[in-house]
């Protein structure tokens, strides 16, 4: 009986992990960040602003999945960095590259 219970927990844990892994928009967010980075390098601020808006929309749509899969501190840092990126792009600041780099690193842990 004990082995069946352990096996059931293991199978459910794997299913939960696979579900979160598939539902998390990692590739979408990474692609948007790369697009924003290229636009900032080329100083194409209109495109960077557009891509940033899309990034924020993707985040808002998947926020609950991200929130269920992470700690409060990680989510708050991620949210803060997305907000700072939006402000930096809006004001055409090269500092946006720093936030892009930070967000790309955070994606590995979020």
Protein backbone atom coordinates (compact mmCIF):
# COMPACT_ATOMS: atom_id res chain seq x y z
CA UNK A 1 0.00 0.00 0.00
CA UNK A 2 2.81 2.39 0.88
CA UNK A 3 4.46 1.87 -2.51
CA UNK A 4 1.22 2.64 -4.33
CA UNK A 5 0.88 5.88 -2.41
CA UNK A 6 4.49 6.86 -3.18
CA UNK A 7 3.99 6.00 -6.83
CA UNK A 8 0.76 8.03 -6.96
CA UNK A 9 2.49 11.06 -5.41
CA UNK A 10 5.39 10.74 -7.81
CA UNK A 11 3.14 10.49 -10.87
CA UNK A 12 1.04 13.46 -9.73
CA UNK A 13 4.16 15.54 -9.02
CA UNK A 14 5.54 14.80 -12.49
CA UNK A 15 2.20 15.69 -14.07
CA UNK A 16 2.08 18.96 -12.14
CA UNK A 17 5.65 19.83 -13.12
CA UNK A 18 5.01 19.04 -16.81
CA UNK A 19 1.79 21.08 -16.69
CA UNK A 20 3.53 24.15 -15.30
CA UNK A 21 6.42 23.72 -17.71
CA UNK A 22 4.11 23.64 -20.72
CA UNK A 23 1.88 26.46 -19.49
CA UNK A 24 4.74 28.84 -18.68
CA UNK A 25 5.32 31.26 -21.58
CA UNK A 26 9.12 31.00 -21.41
CA UNK A 27 9.75 31.08 -25.17
CA UNK A 28 7.29 33.91 -25.76
CA UNK A 29 8.85 36.07 -23.07
CA UNK A 30 12.39 35.28 -24.19
CA UNK A 31 11.53 36.11 -27.82
CA UNK A 32 9.96 39.44 -26.84
CA UNK A 33 12.98 40.31 -24.70
CA UNK A 34 15.31 39.54 -27.60
CA UNK A 35 13.20 41.70 -29.93
CA UNK A 36 13.26 44.57 -27.44
CA UNK A 37 17.03 44.18 -27.04
CA UNK A 38 17.59 44.38 -30.80
CA UNK A 39 15.30 47.41 -31.09
CA UNK A 40 17.12 49.22 -28.28
CA UNK A 41 20.50 48.48 -29.91
CA UNK A 42 19.19 49.91 -33.18
CA UNK A 43 17.55 52.79 -31.28
CA UNK A 44 14.20 51.88 -32.80
CA UNK A 45 12.23 53.07 -29.79
CA UNK A 46 8.79 52.75 -31.39
CA UNK A 47 9.33 49.04 -32.06
CA UNK A 48 10.86 48.57 -28.61
CA UNK A 49 7.82 50.24 -27.04
CA UNK A 50 5.48 48.03 -29.05
CA UNK A 51 7.36 44.86 -28.08
CA UNK A 52 7.42 45.96 -24.44
CA UNK A 53 3.65 46.40 -24.50
CA UNK A 54 3.30 42.89 -25.93
CA UNK A 55 5.65 41.53 -23.25
CA UNK A 56 3.55 43.13 -20.53
CA UNK A 57 0.34 41.72 -22.06
CA UNK A 58 1.81 38.20 -22.20
CA UNK A 59 2.85 38.57 -18.58
CA UNK A 60 -0.61 39.77 -17.54
CA UNK A 61 -2.29 36.88 -19.35
CA UNK A 62 -0.05 34.26 -17.72
CA UNK A 63 0.44 35.99 -14.37
CA UNK A 64 -1.52 33.44 -12.35
CA UNK A 65 0.44 30.52 -13.77
CA UNK A 66 3.70 32.31 -13.01
CA UNK A 67 2.42 33.21 -9.55
CA UNK A 68 1.42 29.63 -8.70
CA UNK A 69 4.83 28.34 -9.72
CA UNK A 70 6.99 30.87 -7.85
CA UNK A 71 7.67 32.51 -4.54
CA UNK A 72 6.36 35.97 -3.76
CA UNK A 73 9.86 37.47 -3.82
CA UNK A 74 10.67 36.10 -7.29
CA UNK A 75 7.34 37.30 -8.66
CA UNK A 76 7.75 40.76 -7.13
CA UNK A 77 11.27 41.12 -8.56
CA UNK A 78 10.10 39.97 -11.98
CA UNK A 79 7.13 42.35 -11.92
CA UNK A 80 9.36 45.23 -10.79
CA UNK A 81 11.87 44.60 -13.57
CA UNK A 82 9.15 44.45 -16.23
CA UNK A 83 7.81 47.78 -14.96
CA UNK A 84 11.28 49.35 -14.97
CA UNK A 85 11.87 48.06 -18.51
CA UNK A 86 8.62 49.67 -19.64
CA UNK A 87 9.61 53.02 -18.12
CA UNK A 88 13.15 52.87 -19.55
CA UNK A 89 11.87 52.12 -23.06
CA UNK A 90 9.16 54.78 -22.77
CA UNK A 91 11.79 57.40 -21.92
CA UNK A 92 14.23 56.07 -24.53
CA UNK A 93 16.94 55.17 -22.04
CA UNK A 94 19.80 52.80 -22.81
CA UNK A 95 19.35 51.45 -19.27
CA UNK A 96 16.62 49.27 -20.76
CA UNK A 97 19.40 46.86 -21.75
CA UNK A 98 20.20 46.27 -18.07
CA UNK A 99 16.60 45.36 -17.31
CA UNK A 100 16.45 43.09 -20.36
CA UNK A 101 19.55 41.24 -19.16
CA UNK A 102 18.11 40.95 -15.67
CA UNK A 103 14.79 39.64 -16.97
CA UNK A 104 16.51 37.07 -19.17
CA UNK A 105 18.37 35.78 -16.12
CA UNK A 106 15.19 35.81 -14.01
CA UNK A 107 13.42 33.67 -16.60
CA UNK A 108 15.74 30.84 -15.65
CA UNK A 109 14.42 30.90 -12.09
CA UNK A 110 10.82 32.05 -12.52
